[in-house]
Amino acid sequence: MIKVRVPELLKQHGLSAADLMRKANLAYGTALKLSKGRGKGMSFEVLNSLCELFDVEAGEILEYIPSKDK
């Protein structure tokens, strides 16, 4: 499973979904989903915008959590 760590990053930076939309130039629906840690995927363009906004590497935005079914 891939965990989206955007909610934690927003909290650390004191930002809201609306701030994310404006500062990362994202559609509001995308910003809202990411702010709640939801979504089925994202483009490299969105990932790049998030890295620039939070000044982090991609691995700090997305986290791999091994499946317990193995």
PDB file of N, CA and C in Angstrom:
ATOM      1  N   MET A   1       0.851  -1.181   0.000  1.00  0.00           N
ATOM      2  CA  MET A   1       0.000   0.000   0.000  1.00  0.00           C
ATOM      3  C   MET A   1       0.893   1.238   0.000  1.00  0.00           C
ATOM      4  N   ILE A   2       0.454   2.241  -0.705  1.00  0.00           N
ATOM      5  CA  ILE A   2       1.158   3.523  -0.728  1.00  0.00           C
ATOM      6  C   ILE A   2       0.351   4.523   0.097  1.00  0.00           C
ATOM      7  N   LYS A   3       0.987   5.097   1.096  1.00  0.00           N
ATOM      8  CA  LYS A   3       0.339   6.103   1.943  1.00  0.00           C
ATOM      9  C   LYS A   3       0.747   7.486   1.457  1.00  0.00           C
ATOM     10  N   VAL A   4      -0.240   8.352   1.298  1.00  0.00           N
ATOM     11  CA  VAL A   4       0.005   9.738   0.923  1.00  0.00           C
ATOM     12  C   VAL A   4       0.178  10.538   2.208  1.00  0.00           C
ATOM     13  N   ARG A   5       1.319  11.169   2.370  1.00  0.00           N
ATOM     14  CA  ARG A   5       1.639  11.877   3.608  1.00  0.00           C
ATOM     15  C   ARG A   5       1.325  13.372   3.551  1.00  0.00           C
ATOM     16  N   VAL A   6       0.527  13.786   2.574  1.00  0.00           N
ATOM     17  CA  VAL A   6       0.192  15.204   2.426  1.00  0.00           C
ATOM     18  C   VAL A   6      -0.518  15.759   3.659  1.00  0.00           C
ATOM     19  N   PRO A   7      -1.458  15.027   4.288  1.00  0.00           N
ATOM     20  CA  PRO A   7      -2.099  15.602   5.481  1.00  0.00           C
ATOM     21  C   PRO A   7      -1.097  15.979   6.575  1.00  0.00           C
ATOM     22  N   GLU A   8      -0.102  15.132   6.798  1.00  0.00           N
ATOM     23  CA  GLU A   8       0.914  15.422   7.813  1.00  0.00           C
ATOM     24  C   GLU A   8       1.743  16.648   7.419  1.00  0.00           C
ATOM     25  N   LEU A   9       2.089  16.733   6.134  1.00  0.00           N
ATOM     26  CA  LEU A   9       2.888  17.871   5.660  1.00  0.00           C
ATOM     27  C   LEU A   9       2.101  19.177   5.743  1.00  0.00           C
ATOM     28  N   LEU A  10       0.817  19.111   5.416  1.00  0.00           N
ATOM     29  CA  LEU A  10      -0.019  20.311   5.542  1.00  0.00           C
ATOM     30  C   LEU A  10      -0.055  20.787   6.990  1.00  0.00           C
ATOM     31  N   LYS A  11      -0.228  19.851   7.896  1.00  0.00           N
ATOM     32  CA  LYS A  11      -0.296  20.201   9.321  1.00  0.00           C
ATOM     33  C   LYS A  11       1.025  20.828   9.790  1.00  0.00           C
ATOM     34  N   GLN A  12       2.146  20.218   9.370  1.00  0.00           N
ATOM     35  CA  GLN A  12       3.468  20.741   9.763  1.00  0.00           C
ATOM     36  C   GLN A  12       3.691  22.164   9.255  1.00  0.00           C
ATOM     37  N   HIS A  13       3.138  22.463   8.086  1.00  0.00           N
ATOM     38  CA  HIS A  13       3.336  23.777   7.479  1.00  0.00           C
ATOM     39  C   HIS A  13       2.181  24.738   7.748  1.00  0.00           C
ATOM     40  N   GLY A  14       1.175  24.284   8.488  1.00  0.00           N
ATOM     41  CA  GLY A  14       0.044  25.151   8.819  1.00  0.00           C
ATOM     42  C   GLY A  14      -0.786  25.551   7.612  1.00  0.00           C
ATOM     43  N   LEU A  15      -0.959  24.622   6.670  1.00  0.00           N
ATOM     44  CA  LEU A  15      -1.686  24.918   5.440  1.00  0.00           C
ATOM     45  C   LEU A  15      -2.994  24.131   5.366  1.00  0.00           C
ATOM     46  N   SER A  16      -3.921  24.639   4.573  1.00  0.00           N
ATOM     47  CA  SER A  16      -5.218  23.994   4.346  1.00  0.00           C
ATOM     48  C   SER A  16      -5.277  23.452   2.915  1.00  0.00           C
ATOM     49  N   ALA A  17      -6.369  22.770   2.589  1.00  0.00           N
ATOM     50  CA  ALA A  17      -6.580  22.282   1.220  1.00  0.00           C
ATOM     51  C   ALA A  17      -6.633  23.454   0.243  1.00  0.00           C
ATOM     52  N   ALA A  18      -7.257  24.549   0.650  1.00  0.00           N
ATOM     53  CA  ALA A  18      -7.331  25.739  -0.214  1.00  0.00           C
ATOM     54  C   ALA A  18      -5.934  26.318  -0.446  1.00  0.00           C
ATOM     55  N   ASP A  19      -5.099  26.334   0.590  1.00  0.00           N
ATOM     56  CA  ASP A  19      -3.715  26.799   0.437  1.00  0.00           C
ATOM     57  C   ASP A  19      -2.967  25.888  -0.534  1.00  0.00           C
ATOM     58  N   LEU A  20      -3.180  24.588  -0.390  1.00  0.00           N
ATOM     59  CA  LEU A  20      -2.534  23.611  -1.263  1.00  0.00           C
ATOM     60  C   LEU A  20      -2.936  23.855  -2.715  1.00  0.00           C
ATOM     61  N   MET A  21      -4.209  24.105  -2.935  1.00  0.00           N
ATOM     62  CA  MET A  21      -4.721  24.372  -4.278  1.00  0.00           C
ATOM     63  C   MET A  21      -4.005  25.585  -4.889  1.00  0.00           C
ATOM     64  N   ARG A  22      -3.941  26.660  -4.135  1.00  0.00           N
ATOM     65  CA  ARG A  22      -3.342  27.898  -4.645  1.00  0.00           C
ATOM     66  C   ARG A  22      -1.823  27.791  -4.809  1.00  0.00           C
ATOM     67  N   LYS A  23      -1.150  27.320  -3.781  1.00  0.00           N
ATOM     68  CA  LYS A  23       0.312  27.344  -3.785  1.00  0.00           C
ATOM     69  C   LYS A  23       0.933  26.273  -4.675  1.00  0.00           C
ATOM     70  N   ALA A  24       0.247  25.128  -4.844  1.00  0.00           N
ATOM     71  CA  ALA A  24       0.780  24.065  -5.709  1.00  0.00           C
ATOM     72  C   ALA A  24       0.097  24.069  -7.073  1.00  0.00           C
ATOM     73  N   ASN A  25      -0.807  25.033  -7.279  1.00  0.00           N
ATOM     74  CA  ASN A  25      -1.528  25.164  -8.547  1.00  0.00           C
ATOM     75  C   ASN A  25      -2.263  23.873  -8.923  1.00  0.00           C
ATOM     76  N   LEU A  26      -3.050  23.362  -7.972  1.00  0.00           N
ATOM     77  CA  LEU A  26      -3.813  22.133  -8.175  1.00  0.00           C
ATOM     78  C   LEU A  26      -5.294  22.441  -8.268  1.00  0.00           C
ATOM     79  N   ALA A  27      -6.032  21.571  -8.940  1.00  0.00           N
ATOM     80  CA  ALA A  27      -7.487  21.680  -8.944  1.00  0.00           C
ATOM     81  C   ALA A  27      -7.974  21.455  -7.515  1.00  0.00           C
ATOM     82  N   TYR A  28      -9.079  22.120  -7.145  1.00  0.00           N
ATOM     83  CA  TYR A  28      -9.549  22.008  -5.763  1.00  0.00           C
ATOM     84  C   TYR A  28      -9.856  20.562  -5.387  1.00  0.00           C
ATOM     85  N   GLY A  29     -10.473  19.798  -6.290  1.00  0.00           N
ATOM     86  CA  GLY A  29     -10.790  18.395  -5.998  1.00  0.00           C
ATOM     87  C   GLY A  29      -9.541  17.579  -5.705  1.00  0.00           C
ATOM     88  N   THR A  30      -8.490  17.826  -6.468  1.00  0.00           N
ATOM     89  CA  THR A  30      -7.214  17.132  -6.249  1.00  0.00           C
ATOM     90  C   THR A  30      -6.622  17.530  -4.908  1.00  0.00           C
ATOM     91  N   ALA A  31      -6.613  18.816  -4.631  1.00  0.00           N
ATOM     92  CA  ALA A  31      -6.067  19.309  -3.363  1.00  0.00           C
ATOM     93  C   ALA A  31      -6.848  18.745  -2.182  1.00  0.00           C
ATOM     94  N   LEU A  32      -8.169  18.679  -2.306  1.00  0.00           N
ATOM     95  CA  LEU A  32      -9.000  18.161  -1.222  1.00  0.00           C
ATOM     96  C   LEU A  32      -8.715  16.684  -0.973  1.00  0.00           C
ATOM     97  N   LYS A  33      -8.635  15.891  -2.037  1.00  0.00           N
ATOM     98  CA  LYS A  33      -8.333  14.457  -1.884  1.00  0.00           C
ATOM     99  C   LYS A  33      -6.962  14.252  -1.242  1.00  0.00           C
ATOM    100  N   LEU A  34      -5.969  14.979  -1.734  1.00  0.00           N
ATOM    101  CA  LEU A  34      -4.629  14.843  -1.177  1.00  0.00           C
ATOM    102  C   LEU A  34      -4.577  15.291   0.281  1.00  0.00           C
ATOM    103  N   SER A  35      -5.320  16.337   0.616  1.00  0.00           N
ATOM    104  CA  SER A  35      -5.309  16.847   1.989  1.00  0.00           C
ATOM    105  C   SER A  35      -5.919  15.847   2.966  1.00  0.00           C
ATOM    106  N   LYS A  36      -6.715  14.921   2.434  1.00  0.00           N
ATOM    107  CA  LYS A  36      -7.324  13.874   3.270  1.00  0.00           C
ATOM    108  C   LYS A  36      -6.596  12.550   3.136  1.00  0.00           C
ATOM    109  N   GLY A  37      -5.494  12.542   2.389  1.00  0.00           N
ATOM    110  CA  GLY A  37      -4.712  11.326   2.221  1.00  0.00           C
ATOM    111  C   GLY A  37      -5.373  10.314   1.305  1.00  0.00           C
ATOM    112  N   ARG A  38      -6.262  10.779   0.454  1.00  0.00           N
ATOM    113  CA  ARG A  38      -6.978   9.890  -0.458  1.00  0.00           C
ATOM    114  C   ARG A  38      -6.456  10.046  -1.868  1.00  0.00           C
ATOM    115  N   GLY A  39      -6.919   9.192  -2.724  1.00  0.00           N
ATOM    116  CA  GLY A  39      -6.550   9.264  -4.129  1.00  0.00           C
ATOM    117  C   GLY A  39      -6.041   7.934  -4.615  1.00  0.00           C
ATOM    118  N   LYS A  40      -6.175   7.725  -5.898  1.00  0.00           N
ATOM    119  CA  LYS A  40      -5.743   6.466  -6.491  1.00  0.00           C
ATOM    120  C   LYS A  40      -4.421   6.610  -7.214  1.00  0.00           C
ATOM    121  N   GLY A  41      -3.907   7.799  -7.269  1.00  0.00           N
ATOM    122  CA  GLY A  41      -2.641   8.044  -7.944  1.00  0.00           C
ATOM    123  C   GLY A  41      -2.463   9.529  -8.178  1.00  0.00           C
ATOM    124  N   MET A  42      -1.285   9.881  -8.662  1.00  0.00           N
ATOM    125  CA  MET A  42      -1.028  11.285  -9.002  1.00  0.00           C
ATOM    126  C   MET A  42       0.014  11.330 -10.108  1.00  0.00           C
ATOM    127  N   SER A  43      -0.029  12.376 -10.864  1.00  0.00           N
ATOM    128  CA  SER A  43       0.936  12.549 -11.945  1.00  0.00           C
ATOM    129  C   SER A  43       2.280  13.006 -11.368  1.00  0.00           C
ATOM    130  N   PHE A  44       3.316  12.850 -12.169  1.00  0.00           N
ATOM    131  CA  PHE A  44       4.624  13.355 -11.763  1.00  0.00           C
ATOM    132  C   PHE A  44       4.586  14.873 -11.633  1.00  0.00           C
ATOM    133  N   GLU A  45       3.745  15.509 -12.424  1.00  0.00           N
ATOM    134  CA  GLU A  45       3.613  16.964 -12.347  1.00  0.00           C
ATOM    135  C   GLU A  45       3.086  17.384 -10.969  1.00  0.00           C
ATOM    136  N   VAL A  46       2.065  16.687 -10.479  1.00  0.00           N
ATOM    137  CA  VAL A  46       1.516  16.984  -9.148  1.00  0.00           C
ATOM    138  C   VAL A  46       2.556  16.663  -8.086  1.00  0.00           C
ATOM    139  N   LEU A  47       3.211  15.513  -8.212  1.00  0.00           N
ATOM    140  CA  LEU A  47       4.243  15.132  -7.250  1.00  0.00           C
ATOM    141  C   LEU A  47       5.356  16.175  -7.212  1.00  0.00           C
ATOM    142  N   ASN A  48       5.769  16.659  -8.362  1.00  0.00           N
ATOM    143  CA  ASN A  48       6.794  17.698  -8.437  1.00  0.00           C
ATOM    144  C   ASN A  48       6.338  18.978  -7.744  1.00  0.00           C
ATOM    145  N   SER A  49       5.079  19.373  -7.966  1.00  0.00           N
ATOM    146  CA  SER A  49       4.535  20.578  -7.320  1.00  0.00           C
ATOM    147  C   SER A  49       4.544  20.433  -5.803  1.00  0.00           C
ATOM    148  N   LEU A  50       4.194  19.253  -5.325  1.00  0.00           N
ATOM    149  CA  LEU A  50       4.188  19.005  -3.875  1.00  0.00           C
ATOM    150  C   LEU A  50       5.603  19.040  -3.309  1.00  0.00           C
ATOM    151  N   CYS A  51       6.558  18.443  -4.024  1.00  0.00           N
ATOM    152  CA  CYS A  51       7.954  18.473  -3.581  1.00  0.00           C
ATOM    153  C   CYS A  51       8.461  19.909  -3.479  1.00  0.00           C
ATOM    154  N   GLU A  52       8.126  20.723  -4.474  1.00  0.00           N
ATOM    155  CA  GLU A  52       8.558  22.122  -4.454  1.00  0.00           C
ATOM    156  C   GLU A  52       7.891  22.899  -3.329  1.00  0.00           C
ATOM    157  N   LEU A  53       6.595  22.683  -3.142  1.00  0.00           N
ATOM    158  CA  LEU A  53       5.865  23.415  -2.105  1.00  0.00           C
ATOM    159  C   LEU A  53       6.401  23.109  -0.711  1.00  0.00           C
ATOM    160  N   PHE A  54       6.586  21.821  -0.423  1.00  0.00           N
ATOM    161  CA  PHE A  54       7.006  21.415   0.924  1.00  0.00           C
ATOM    162  C   PHE A  54       8.525  21.329   1.072  1.00  0.00           C
ATOM    163  N   ASP A  55       9.255  21.516  -0.041  1.00  0.00           N
ATOM    164  CA  ASP A  55      10.718  21.421  -0.044  1.00  0.00           C
ATOM    165  C   ASP A  55      11.180  20.080   0.522  1.00  0.00           C
ATOM    166  N   VAL A  56      10.630  19.009  -0.077  1.00  0.00           N
ATOM    167  CA  VAL A  56      10.946  17.644   0.351  1.00  0.00           C
ATOM    168  C   VAL A  56      11.205  16.766  -0.875  1.00  0.00           C
ATOM    169  N   GLU A  57      11.716  15.571  -0.625  1.00  0.00           N
ATOM    170  CA  GLU A  57      11.886  14.556  -1.657  1.00  0.00           C
ATOM    171  C   GLU A  57      10.574  13.798  -1.829  1.00  0.00           C
ATOM    172  N   ALA A  58      10.409  13.122  -2.960  1.00  0.00           N
ATOM    173  CA  ALA A  58       9.184  12.361  -3.239  1.00  0.00           C
ATOM    174  C   ALA A  58       8.906  11.314  -2.162  1.00  0.00           C
ATOM    175  N   GLY A  59       9.943  10.718  -1.605  1.00  0.00           N
ATOM    176  CA  GLY A  59       9.785   9.707  -0.562  1.00  0.00           C
ATOM    177  C   GLY A  59       9.205  10.251   0.736  1.00  0.00           C
ATOM    178  N   GLU A  60       9.180  11.559   0.881  1.00  0.00           N
ATOM    179  CA  GLU A  60       8.580  12.160   2.063  1.00  0.00           C
ATOM    180  C   GLU A  60       7.110  12.477   1.837  1.00  0.00           C
ATOM    181  N   ILE A  61       6.659  12.367   0.595  1.00  0.00           N
ATOM    182  CA  ILE A  61       5.258  12.583   0.256  1.00  0.00           C
ATOM    183  C   ILE A  61       4.518  11.256   0.161  1.00  0.00           C
ATOM    184  N   LEU A  62       5.202  10.256  -0.394  1.00  0.00           N
ATOM    185  CA  LEU A  62       4.622   8.927  -0.552  1.00  0.00           C
ATOM    186  C   LEU A  62       5.404   7.936   0.299  1.00  0.00           C
ATOM    187  N   GLU A  63       4.694   7.062   0.997  1.00  0.00           N
ATOM    188  CA  GLU A  63       5.333   6.074   1.857  1.00  0.00           C
ATOM    189  C   GLU A  63       4.808   4.686   1.503  1.00  0.00           C
ATOM    190  N   TYR A  64       5.712   3.744   1.281  1.00  0.00           N
ATOM    191  CA  TYR A  64       5.324   2.366   0.984  1.00  0.00           C
ATOM    192  C   TYR A  64       5.144   1.612   2.297  1.00  0.00           C
ATOM    193  N   ILE A  65       3.980   0.990   2.440  1.00  0.00           N
ATOM    194  CA  ILE A  65       3.687   0.167   3.619  1.00  0.00           C
ATOM    195  C   ILE A  65       3.421  -1.246   3.103  1.00  0.00           C
ATOM    196  N   PRO A  66       4.296  -2.204   3.463  1.00  0.00           N
ATOM    197  CA  PRO A  66       4.120  -3.568   2.978  1.00  0.00           C
ATOM    198  C   PRO A  66       2.767  -4.153   3.389  1.00  0.00           C
ATOM    199  N   SER A  67       2.224  -4.978   2.502  1.00  0.00           N
ATOM    200  CA  SER A  67       0.945  -5.633   2.768  1.00  0.00           C
ATOM    201  C   SER A  67       1.122  -6.708   3.827  1.00  0.00           C
ATOM    202  N   LYS A  68       0.150  -6.847   4.705  1.00  0.00           N
ATOM    203  CA  LYS A  68       0.200  -7.861   5.745  1.00  0.00           C
ATOM    204  C   LYS A  68      -0.217  -9.231   5.210  1.00  0.00           C
ATOM    205  N   ASP A  69      -0.723  -9.273   3.974  1.00  0.00           N
ATOM    206  CA  ASP A  69      -1.213 -10.525   3.382  1.00  0.00           C
ATOM    207  C   ASP A  69      -0.107 -11.433   2.907  1.00  0.00           C
ATOM    208  N   LYS A  70       1.092 -10.952   2.822  1.00  0.00           N
ATOM    209  CA  LYS A  70       2.206 -11.764   2.267  1.00  0.00           C
ATOM    210  C   LYS A  70       2.697 -12.799   3.201  1.00  0.00           C
TER     211      LYS A  70
END
